[in-house]
Amino acid sequence: MYNKPSNQEYPTYYSKYISLVSEDSLTTILFKQLEDTTELLMDISDAQANYRYALGKWTLKEVIGHLIDTERIMSYRLLRISRGDKTPLAGYDDEQYVKEASFHSRSLADLLEEYIAVRGSTITLVRGLSEEFWSRRGFANNSELSVRALAYIIAGHELHHVNIIKEKYLV
C-alpha cells in the first residue's frame, strides 16, 4: 500500500498524476489533501469561484466539481476491481460531465461539503483494503490498471488540479 505502482500497473496517460504523489501511506496522503484543499478553498468567495482564467477554461467551481466527479468514478473503479469484479468498466467524458453538472448554480460551500464527503468515503474505502487487494487488476476505459494505481491516480489527480488552482485561479 505504501509503494507507488510500477508503470506496468496503469496506462502511460496516468503517469503525470502518479508522479506527483510521494511514497507514503495513502490514507495519510488522502487525509492531508482533504485538509489542505479544504483550507485552500474555504475562504474563497462565490464570485472568485466563478472565475475562469481563459475563454473555454473551467471556472474554479467547475474544477472542484470535476475533482468530485472524477474521485467518485475512480473510487468506484477501485471498489469494483478490489472486489474481484472482472467486468470491463466504461470510460467517461469529463468535459461532458462538467457541462451537464451546473456547478455554477451551486455555492462554493456546497461544493466543498460534497468534496469533503466524497474524500471521506474514499479514505474509508482505501483504509479498509487488505494488502492482498492492492495488486488486483481490472479494466477501465479499455486499459488495465491495478487497485494501487487507482488510489495513486486519485491522489495525483487532485494534486495536479490543486497546482493549477494555485497557479491560475488564486493569483
N, C-alpha and C. Protein backbone atom coordinates (compact mmCIF):
# COMPACT_ATOMS: atom_id res chain seq x y z
N MET A 1 0.82 -1.21 0.00
CA MET A 1 0.00 0.00 0.00
C MET A 1 0.85 1.25 0.00
N TYR A 2 2.08 1.16 0.47
CA TYR A 2 2.90 2.35 0.57
C TYR A 2 3.86 2.53 -0.59
N ASN A 3 3.87 1.57 -1.50
CA ASN A 3 4.76 1.67 -2.65
C ASN A 3 3.99 2.16 -3.85
N LYS A 4 4.61 3.06 -4.59
CA LYS A 4 3.99 3.52 -5.82
C LYS A 4 3.82 2.35 -6.77
N PRO A 5 2.79 2.41 -7.60
CA PRO A 5 2.63 1.34 -8.58
C PRO A 5 3.73 1.42 -9.63
N SER A 6 4.09 0.26 -10.15
CA SER A 6 5.05 0.25 -11.26
C SER A 6 4.33 0.74 -12.51
N ASN A 7 5.10 1.16 -13.49
CA ASN A 7 4.47 1.66 -14.72
C ASN A 7 3.77 0.55 -15.51
N GLN A 8 3.88 -0.70 -15.04
CA GLN A 8 3.15 -1.82 -15.65
C GLN A 8 1.72 -1.92 -15.10
N GLU A 9 1.41 -1.11 -14.09
CA GLU A 9 0.10 -1.22 -13.42
C GLU A 9 -0.93 -0.20 -13.91
N TYR A 10 -0.57 0.61 -14.88
CA TYR A 10 -1.50 1.64 -15.34
C TYR A 10 -1.09 2.13 -16.73
N PRO A 11 -2.04 2.73 -17.46
CA PRO A 11 -1.71 3.31 -18.76
C PRO A 11 -0.79 4.53 -18.59
N THR A 12 0.06 4.75 -19.55
CA THR A 12 1.04 5.84 -19.52
C THR A 12 0.38 7.19 -19.22
N TYR A 13 -0.82 7.39 -19.70
CA TYR A 13 -1.54 8.66 -19.50
C TYR A 13 -1.55 9.09 -18.03
N TYR A 14 -1.63 8.14 -17.13
CA TYR A 14 -1.76 8.46 -15.71
C TYR A 14 -0.43 8.77 -15.03
N SER A 15 0.67 8.62 -15.74
CA SER A 15 1.99 8.91 -15.16
C SER A 15 2.08 10.32 -14.61
N LYS A 16 1.46 11.28 -15.30
CA LYS A 16 1.53 12.68 -14.86
C LYS A 16 0.89 12.88 -13.49
N TYR A 17 -0.07 12.04 -13.13
CA TYR A 17 -0.69 12.14 -11.81
C TYR A 17 0.12 11.36 -10.77
N ILE A 18 0.44 10.13 -11.09
CA ILE A 18 1.14 9.26 -10.13
C ILE A 18 2.50 9.83 -9.76
N SER A 19 3.17 10.47 -10.70
CA SER A 19 4.49 11.04 -10.41
C SER A 19 4.44 12.17 -9.37
N LEU A 20 3.29 12.77 -9.18
CA LEU A 20 3.15 13.86 -8.21
C LEU A 20 3.02 13.38 -6.77
N VAL A 21 2.73 12.10 -6.58
CA VAL A 21 2.41 11.57 -5.26
C VAL A 21 3.67 11.00 -4.61
N SER A 22 3.88 11.35 -3.35
CA SER A 22 5.02 10.80 -2.60
C SER A 22 4.71 9.37 -2.18
N GLU A 23 5.76 8.66 -1.82
CA GLU A 23 5.58 7.30 -1.30
C GLU A 23 5.36 7.42 0.20
N ASP A 24 4.14 7.23 0.59
CA ASP A 24 3.73 7.31 1.98
C ASP A 24 2.43 6.54 2.10
N SER A 25 1.90 6.46 3.28
CA SER A 25 0.60 5.82 3.48
C SER A 25 -0.44 6.59 2.66
N LEU A 26 -1.16 5.88 1.82
CA LEU A 26 -2.17 6.56 1.00
C LEU A 26 -3.27 7.19 1.85
N THR A 27 -3.63 6.56 2.96
CA THR A 27 -4.64 7.18 3.80
C THR A 27 -4.11 8.49 4.38
N THR A 28 -2.84 8.52 4.74
CA THR A 28 -2.24 9.76 5.24
C THR A 28 -2.23 10.82 4.16
N ILE A 29 -1.83 10.45 2.95
CA ILE A 29 -1.79 11.40 1.83
C ILE A 29 -3.19 11.93 1.53
N LEU A 30 -4.16 11.04 1.43
CA LEU A 30 -5.53 11.46 1.10
C LEU A 30 -6.12 12.34 2.18
N PHE A 31 -5.86 12.02 3.45
CA PHE A 31 -6.37 12.84 4.54
C PHE A 31 -5.71 14.22 4.55
N LYS A 32 -4.40 14.26 4.33
CA LYS A 32 -3.67 15.54 4.29
C LYS A 32 -4.19 16.40 3.14
N GLN A 33 -4.45 15.78 1.98
CA GLN A 33 -5.02 16.53 0.86
C GLN A 33 -6.38 17.09 1.24
N LEU A 34 -7.19 16.31 1.92
CA LEU A 34 -8.50 16.77 2.35
C LEU A 34 -8.36 18.04 3.18
N GLU A 35 -7.47 18.01 4.13
CA GLU A 35 -7.25 19.19 4.98
C GLU A 35 -6.72 20.37 4.17
N ASP A 36 -5.69 20.13 3.36
CA ASP A 36 -5.05 21.20 2.61
C ASP A 36 -5.97 21.83 1.57
N THR A 37 -6.69 21.01 0.83
CA THR A 37 -7.57 21.52 -0.22
C THR A 37 -8.73 22.28 0.39
N THR A 38 -9.29 21.76 1.46
CA THR A 38 -10.39 22.46 2.14
C THR A 38 -9.91 23.81 2.65
N GLU A 39 -8.75 23.84 3.28
CA GLU A 39 -8.20 25.10 3.78
C GLU A 39 -7.92 26.08 2.64
N LEU A 40 -7.41 25.59 1.54
CA LEU A 40 -7.10 26.44 0.39
C LEU A 40 -8.36 27.11 -0.16
N LEU A 41 -9.47 26.40 -0.15
CA LEU A 41 -10.68 26.88 -0.83
C LEU A 41 -11.73 27.50 0.08
N MET A 42 -11.63 27.31 1.37
CA MET A 42 -12.72 27.68 2.26
C MET A 42 -13.01 29.18 2.36
N ASP A 43 -12.04 30.03 2.11
CA ASP A 43 -12.26 31.47 2.24
C ASP A 43 -12.46 32.18 0.90
N ILE A 44 -12.64 31.41 -0.15
CA ILE A 44 -12.85 31.99 -1.48
C ILE A 44 -14.32 32.35 -1.63
N SER A 45 -14.58 33.52 -2.16
CA SER A 45 -15.96 33.95 -2.35
C SER A 45 -16.57 33.24 -3.56
N ASP A 46 -17.89 33.25 -3.63
CA ASP A 46 -18.56 32.65 -4.79
C ASP A 46 -18.18 33.40 -6.07
N ALA A 47 -17.99 34.70 -5.96
CA ALA A 47 -17.57 35.47 -7.15
C ALA A 47 -16.21 34.99 -7.63
N GLN A 48 -15.27 34.79 -6.73
CA GLN A 48 -13.95 34.27 -7.10
C GLN A 48 -14.07 32.85 -7.65
N ALA A 49 -14.99 32.08 -7.10
CA ALA A 49 -15.16 30.69 -7.52
C ALA A 49 -15.78 30.59 -8.91
N ASN A 50 -16.36 31.66 -9.38
CA ASN A 50 -16.92 31.69 -10.73
C ASN A 50 -15.90 32.18 -11.76
N TYR A 51 -14.68 32.47 -11.32
CA TYR A 51 -13.62 32.96 -12.19
C TYR A 51 -13.15 31.85 -13.13
N ARG A 52 -12.92 32.25 -14.37
CA ARG A 52 -12.34 31.36 -15.39
C ARG A 52 -11.14 32.12 -15.94
N TYR A 53 -9.97 31.53 -15.92
CA TYR A 53 -8.76 32.26 -16.26
C TYR A 53 -8.57 32.48 -17.75
N ALA A 54 -9.33 31.79 -18.58
CA ALA A 54 -9.27 31.99 -20.03
C ALA A 54 -10.57 31.48 -20.65
N LEU A 55 -10.88 32.00 -21.80
CA LEU A 55 -12.06 31.57 -22.53
C LEU A 55 -11.98 30.07 -22.79
N GLY A 56 -13.05 29.37 -22.52
CA GLY A 56 -13.07 27.93 -22.74
C GLY A 56 -12.53 27.09 -21.60
N LYS A 57 -11.97 27.73 -20.59
CA LYS A 57 -11.47 27.01 -19.41
C LYS A 57 -12.57 26.93 -18.36
N TRP A 58 -12.49 25.96 -17.49
CA TRP A 58 -13.48 25.80 -16.44
C TRP A 58 -13.35 26.89 -15.39
N THR A 59 -14.48 27.20 -14.75
CA THR A 59 -14.43 28.07 -13.58
C THR A 59 -13.85 27.27 -12.42
N LEU A 60 -13.50 27.96 -11.36
CA LEU A 60 -12.99 27.27 -10.18
C LEU A 60 -14.03 26.29 -9.64
N LYS A 61 -15.31 26.70 -9.63
CA LYS A 61 -16.37 25.78 -9.20
C LYS A 61 -16.39 24.53 -10.07
N GLU A 62 -16.21 24.70 -11.35
CA GLU A 62 -16.21 23.55 -12.26
C GLU A 62 -15.02 22.64 -12.02
N VAL A 63 -13.87 23.23 -11.70
CA VAL A 63 -12.69 22.41 -11.38
C VAL A 63 -12.97 21.57 -10.13
N ILE A 64 -13.56 22.19 -9.12
CA ILE A 64 -13.88 21.46 -7.90
C ILE A 64 -14.90 20.36 -8.19
N GLY A 65 -15.91 20.68 -8.98
CA GLY A 65 -16.89 19.69 -9.37
C GLY A 65 -16.25 18.54 -10.14
N HIS A 66 -15.31 18.86 -11.02
CA HIS A 66 -14.58 17.84 -11.76
C HIS A 66 -13.79 16.94 -10.82
N LEU A 67 -13.15 17.52 -9.82
CA LEU A 67 -12.43 16.72 -8.82
C LEU A 67 -13.37 15.74 -8.12
N ILE A 68 -14.53 16.22 -7.75
CA ILE A 68 -15.52 15.39 -7.06
C ILE A 68 -15.98 14.24 -7.97
N ASP A 69 -16.38 14.58 -9.19
CA ASP A 69 -16.87 13.56 -10.13
C ASP A 69 -15.79 12.51 -10.42
N THR A 70 -14.58 12.97 -10.69
CA THR A 70 -13.50 12.04 -11.02
C THR A 70 -13.15 11.15 -9.85
N GLU A 71 -13.13 11.71 -8.65
CA GLU A 71 -12.83 10.88 -7.49
C GLU A 71 -13.91 9.83 -7.28
N ARG A 72 -15.17 10.20 -7.47
CA ARG A 72 -16.25 9.22 -7.35
C ARG A 72 -16.07 8.07 -8.35
N ILE A 73 -15.76 8.42 -9.58
CA ILE A 73 -15.61 7.41 -10.63
C ILE A 73 -14.40 6.53 -10.36
N MET A 74 -13.28 7.13 -10.01
CA MET A 74 -12.07 6.34 -9.73
C MET A 74 -12.25 5.47 -8.49
N SER A 75 -12.95 5.97 -7.48
CA SER A 75 -13.21 5.17 -6.28
C SER A 75 -14.13 4.00 -6.59
N TYR A 76 -15.10 4.24 -7.46
CA TYR A 76 -15.99 3.16 -7.89
C TYR A 76 -15.20 2.08 -8.62
N ARG A 77 -14.31 2.50 -9.49
CA ARG A 77 -13.45 1.54 -10.19
C ARG A 77 -12.59 0.78 -9.19
N LEU A 78 -12.01 1.50 -8.24
CA LEU A 78 -11.18 0.89 -7.21
C LEU A 78 -11.97 -0.15 -6.42
N LEU A 79 -13.20 0.19 -6.04
CA LEU A 79 -14.05 -0.72 -5.30
C LEU A 79 -14.32 -1.98 -6.11
N ARG A 80 -14.74 -1.83 -7.33
CA ARG A 80 -15.11 -2.99 -8.16
C ARG A 80 -13.91 -3.89 -8.41
N ILE A 81 -12.79 -3.30 -8.76
CA ILE A 81 -11.60 -4.11 -9.05
C ILE A 81 -11.09 -4.78 -7.78
N SER A 82 -11.11 -4.06 -6.66
CA SER A 82 -10.63 -4.65 -5.41
C SER A 82 -11.50 -5.82 -4.96
N ARG A 83 -12.73 -5.83 -5.36
CA ARG A 83 -13.66 -6.91 -5.00
C ARG A 83 -13.62 -8.06 -6.00
N GLY A 84 -12.69 -7.99 -6.94
CA GLY A 84 -12.52 -9.08 -7.89
C GLY A 84 -13.45 -9.03 -9.09
N ASP A 85 -14.13 -7.92 -9.28
CA ASP A 85 -15.03 -7.78 -10.43
C ASP A 85 -14.20 -7.66 -11.70
N LYS A 86 -14.40 -8.55 -12.62
CA LYS A 86 -13.64 -8.57 -13.88
C LYS A 86 -14.37 -7.89 -15.03
N THR A 87 -15.53 -7.31 -14.76
CA THR A 87 -16.29 -6.63 -15.80
C THR A 87 -15.53 -5.39 -16.28
N PRO A 88 -15.28 -5.26 -17.58
CA PRO A 88 -14.64 -4.04 -18.07
C PRO A 88 -15.53 -2.82 -17.78
N LEU A 89 -14.92 -1.79 -17.23
CA LEU A 89 -15.66 -0.58 -16.85
C LEU A 89 -15.50 0.49 -17.92
N ALA A 90 -16.57 1.19 -18.19
CA ALA A 90 -16.58 2.21 -19.23
C ALA A 90 -15.76 3.43 -18.83
N GLY A 91 -15.33 4.17 -19.83
CA GLY A 91 -14.70 5.45 -19.60
C GLY A 91 -15.78 6.51 -19.39
N TYR A 92 -15.37 7.75 -19.29
CA TYR A 92 -16.34 8.84 -19.18
C TYR A 92 -15.73 10.09 -19.79
N ASP A 93 -16.58 11.00 -20.19
CA ASP A 93 -16.16 12.25 -20.81
C ASP A 93 -16.24 13.35 -19.77
N ASP A 94 -15.10 13.72 -19.20
CA ASP A 94 -15.11 14.72 -18.12
C ASP A 94 -15.64 16.07 -18.57
N GLU A 95 -15.40 16.44 -19.80
CA GLU A 95 -15.94 17.71 -20.32
C GLU A 95 -17.47 17.68 -20.32
N GLN A 96 -18.04 16.57 -20.73
CA GLN A 96 -19.50 16.42 -20.76
C GLN A 96 -20.07 16.43 -19.34
N TYR A 97 -19.37 15.77 -18.41
CA TYR A 97 -19.84 15.77 -17.03
C TYR A 97 -19.89 17.19 -16.47
N VAL A 98 -18.85 17.96 -16.71
CA VAL A 98 -18.82 19.34 -16.21
C VAL A 98 -19.92 20.16 -16.87
N LYS A 99 -20.08 19.99 -18.15
CA LYS A 99 -21.10 20.73 -18.90
C LYS A 99 -22.51 20.45 -18.36
N GLU A 100 -22.77 19.21 -18.01
CA GLU A 100 -24.11 18.80 -17.57
C GLU A 100 -24.37 19.02 -16.09
N ALA A 101 -23.36 19.31 -15.32
CA ALA A 101 -23.50 19.33 -13.86
C ALA A 101 -24.05 20.63 -13.28
N SER A 102 -23.99 21.72 -13.98
CA SER A 102 -24.46 23.02 -13.46
C SER A 102 -23.77 23.41 -12.16
N PHE A 103 -22.46 23.18 -12.10
CA PHE A 103 -21.72 23.56 -10.90
C PHE A 103 -21.83 25.06 -10.62
N HIS A 104 -21.98 25.86 -11.65
CA HIS A 104 -22.08 27.31 -11.49
C HIS A 104 -23.29 27.73 -10.65
N SER A 105 -24.32 26.89 -10.60
CA SER A 105 -25.53 27.26 -9.86
C SER A 105 -25.44 26.89 -8.38
N ARG A 106 -24.36 26.25 -7.98
CA ARG A 106 -24.18 25.85 -6.59
C ARG A 106 -23.20 26.78 -5.89
N SER A 107 -23.33 26.87 -4.59
CA SER A 107 -22.39 27.68 -3.84
C SER A 107 -21.09 26.91 -3.67
N LEU A 108 -20.03 27.65 -3.47
CA LEU A 108 -18.74 27.02 -3.21
C LEU A 108 -18.81 26.20 -1.92
N ALA A 109 -19.50 26.72 -0.92
CA ALA A 109 -19.64 25.99 0.35
C ALA A 109 -20.31 24.64 0.12
N ASP A 110 -21.31 24.59 -0.73
CA ASP A 110 -22.00 23.34 -1.04
C ASP A 110 -21.06 22.36 -1.75
N LEU A 111 -20.28 22.86 -2.70
CA LEU A 111 -19.32 22.00 -3.40
C LEU A 111 -18.25 21.47 -2.44
N LEU A 112 -17.78 22.31 -1.54
CA LEU A 112 -16.78 21.86 -0.56
C LEU A 112 -17.35 20.80 0.38
N GLU A 113 -18.61 20.96 0.75
CA GLU A 113 -19.26 19.95 1.59
C GLU A 113 -19.30 18.60 0.86
N GLU A 114 -19.61 18.63 -0.43
CA GLU A 114 -19.64 17.40 -1.21
C GLU A 114 -18.24 16.82 -1.37
N TYR A 115 -17.26 17.68 -1.62
CA TYR A 115 -15.87 17.23 -1.73
C TYR A 115 -15.44 16.52 -0.45
N ILE A 116 -15.73 17.11 0.69
CA ILE A 116 -15.36 16.53 1.98
C ILE A 116 -16.01 15.15 2.16
N ALA A 117 -17.27 15.03 1.78
CA ALA A 117 -17.98 13.75 1.91
C ALA A 117 -17.38 12.69 0.99
N VAL A 118 -17.11 13.07 -0.25
CA VAL A 118 -16.55 12.11 -1.22
C VAL A 118 -15.15 11.68 -0.78
N ARG A 119 -14.32 12.63 -0.39
CA ARG A 119 -12.97 12.27 0.04
C ARG A 119 -13.02 11.40 1.30
N GLY A 120 -13.91 11.71 2.22
CA GLY A 120 -14.05 10.88 3.41
C GLY A 120 -14.40 9.45 3.05
N SER A 121 -15.28 9.29 2.09
CA SER A 121 -15.66 7.96 1.62
C SER A 121 -14.48 7.23 0.98
N THR A 122 -13.69 7.95 0.19
CA THR A 122 -12.51 7.36 -0.44
C THR A 122 -11.51 6.92 0.61
N ILE A 123 -11.27 7.74 1.61
CA ILE A 123 -10.32 7.40 2.67
C ILE A 123 -10.78 6.13 3.39
N THR A 124 -12.06 6.05 3.70
CA THR A 124 -12.59 4.88 4.39
C THR A 124 -12.43 3.63 3.53
N LEU A 125 -12.70 3.75 2.23
CA LEU A 125 -12.55 2.62 1.32
C LEU A 125 -11.09 2.15 1.27
N VAL A 126 -10.17 3.08 1.08
CA VAL A 126 -8.75 2.75 0.98
C VAL A 126 -8.24 2.14 2.29
N ARG A 127 -8.64 2.74 3.39
CA ARG A 127 -8.20 2.25 4.70
C ARG A 127 -8.67 0.82 4.97
N GLY A 128 -9.80 0.45 4.39
CA GLY A 128 -10.36 -0.87 4.63
C GLY A 128 -9.83 -1.98 3.74
N LEU A 129 -8.93 -1.65 2.81
CA LEU A 129 -8.41 -2.67 1.90
C LEU A 129 -7.26 -3.44 2.53
N SER A 130 -7.33 -4.75 2.45
CA SER A 130 -6.23 -5.60 2.91
C SER A 130 -5.11 -5.56 1.88
N GLU A 131 -3.92 -5.89 2.32
CA GLU A 131 -2.73 -5.85 1.45
C GLU A 131 -2.93 -6.65 0.16
N GLU A 132 -3.62 -7.76 0.26
CA GLU A 132 -3.82 -8.64 -0.91
C GLU A 132 -4.58 -7.97 -2.05
N PHE A 133 -5.37 -6.95 -1.75
CA PHE A 133 -6.20 -6.32 -2.78
C PHE A 133 -5.44 -5.32 -3.66
N TRP A 134 -4.33 -4.79 -3.15
CA TRP A 134 -3.64 -3.69 -3.83
C TRP A 134 -3.11 -4.06 -5.21
N SER A 135 -2.78 -5.30 -5.41
CA SER A 135 -2.21 -5.71 -6.71
C SER A 135 -3.27 -6.23 -7.68
N ARG A 136 -4.51 -6.32 -7.24
CA ARG A 136 -5.56 -6.79 -8.14
C ARG A 136 -5.68 -5.84 -9.33
N ARG A 137 -6.01 -6.43 -10.48
CA ARG A 137 -6.11 -5.64 -11.71
C ARG A 137 -7.47 -5.83 -12.35
N GLY A 138 -7.85 -4.80 -13.06
CA GLY A 138 -9.09 -4.83 -13.81
C GLY A 138 -8.98 -3.91 -15.01
N PHE A 139 -10.07 -3.79 -15.74
CA PHE A 139 -10.08 -2.96 -16.94
C PHE A 139 -11.08 -1.81 -16.79
N ALA A 140 -10.61 -0.63 -17.10
CA ALA A 140 -11.46 0.56 -17.13
C ALA A 140 -11.02 1.42 -18.31
N ASN A 141 -11.97 1.92 -19.05
CA ASN A 141 -11.68 2.77 -20.20
C ASN A 141 -10.70 2.07 -21.16
N ASN A 142 -10.94 0.79 -21.39
CA ASN A 142 -10.15 -0.03 -22.32
C ASN A 142 -8.68 -0.20 -21.93
N SER A 143 -8.37 -0.03 -20.66
CA SER A 143 -7.00 -0.18 -20.19
C SER A 143 -6.97 -0.96 -18.89
N GLU A 144 -5.89 -1.72 -18.71
CA GLU A 144 -5.73 -2.47 -17.47
C GLU A 144 -5.03 -1.59 -16.44
N LEU A 145 -5.50 -1.68 -15.20
CA LEU A 145 -4.85 -0.96 -14.11
C LEU A 145 -5.10 -1.68 -12.79
N SER A 146 -4.24 -1.40 -11.83
CA SER A 146 -4.33 -2.05 -10.52
C SER A 146 -5.08 -1.16 -9.54
N VAL A 147 -5.50 -1.80 -8.45
CA VAL A 147 -6.13 -1.07 -7.36
C VAL A 147 -5.16 -0.01 -6.81
N ARG A 148 -3.90 -0.40 -6.62
CA ARG A 148 -2.88 0.54 -6.13
C ARG A 148 -2.78 1.75 -7.06
N ALA A 149 -2.75 1.50 -8.36
CA ALA A 149 -2.65 2.60 -9.32
C ALA A 149 -3.86 3.53 -9.20
N LEU A 150 -5.04 2.97 -9.07
CA LEU A 150 -6.24 3.81 -8.94
C LEU A 150 -6.16 4.72 -7.72
N ALA A 151 -5.69 4.18 -6.60
CA ALA A 151 -5.56 5.01 -5.40
C ALA A 151 -4.56 6.14 -5.62
N TYR A 152 -3.44 5.83 -6.26
CA TYR A 152 -2.45 6.87 -6.55
C TYR A 152 -2.96 7.86 -7.59
N ILE A 153 -3.76 7.41 -8.53
CA ILE A 153 -4.35 8.31 -9.53
C ILE A 153 -5.28 9.30 -8.84
N ILE A 154 -6.08 8.83 -7.90
CA ILE A 154 -6.98 9.73 -7.16
C ILE A 154 -6.17 10.83 -6.48
N ALA A 155 -5.12 10.44 -5.77
CA ALA A 155 -4.29 11.43 -5.06
C ALA A 155 -3.58 12.35 -6.05
N GLY A 156 -3.01 11.80 -7.09
CA GLY A 156 -2.27 12.60 -8.06
C GLY A 156 -3.15 13.52 -8.88
N HIS A 157 -4.34 13.07 -9.21
CA HIS A 157 -5.28 13.91 -9.97
C HIS A 157 -5.62 15.16 -9.16
N GLU A 158 -5.85 14.97 -7.87
CA GLU A 158 -6.13 16.14 -7.04
C GLU A 158 -4.92 17.07 -6.97
N LEU A 159 -3.74 16.53 -6.77
CA LEU A 159 -2.53 17.36 -6.72
C LEU A 159 -2.36 18.15 -8.02
N HIS A 160 -2.59 17.50 -9.13
CA HIS A 160 -2.50 18.16 -10.44
C HIS A 160 -3.42 19.38 -10.49
N HIS A 161 -4.67 19.19 -10.10
CA HIS A 161 -5.62 20.29 -10.19
C HIS A 161 -5.41 21.35 -9.10
N VAL A 162 -4.96 20.96 -7.93
CA VAL A 162 -4.64 21.95 -6.90
C VAL A 162 -3.49 22.84 -7.37
N ASN A 163 -2.51 22.25 -8.04
CA ASN A 163 -1.42 23.06 -8.61
C ASN A 163 -1.96 24.07 -9.62
N ILE A 164 -2.87 23.65 -10.46
CA ILE A 164 -3.48 24.56 -11.45
C ILE A 164 -4.28 25.64 -10.73
N ILE A 165 -5.02 25.26 -9.70
CA ILE A 165 -5.80 26.25 -8.94
C ILE A 165 -4.87 27.32 -8.37
N LYS A 166 -3.77 26.91 -7.79
CA LYS A 166 -2.82 27.86 -7.20
C LYS A 166 -2.18 28.75 -8.27
N GLU A 167 -1.85 28.17 -9.42
CA GLU A 167 -1.16 28.91 -10.48
C GLU A 167 -2.08 29.81 -11.30
N LYS A 168 -3.29 29.37 -11.54
CA LYS A 168 -4.16 30.07 -12.50
C LYS A 168 -5.36 30.79 -11.86
N TYR A 169 -5.83 30.31 -10.73
CA TYR A 169 -7.05 30.86 -10.15
C TYR A 169 -6.82 31.75 -8.93
N LEU A 170 -5.78 31.48 -8.19
CA LEU A 170 -5.57 32.20 -6.93
C LEU A 170 -4.35 33.10 -7.00
N VAL A 171 -4.16 33.76 -8.10
CA VAL A 171 -3.02 34.68 -8.25
C VAL A 171 -3.42 36.09 -7.92
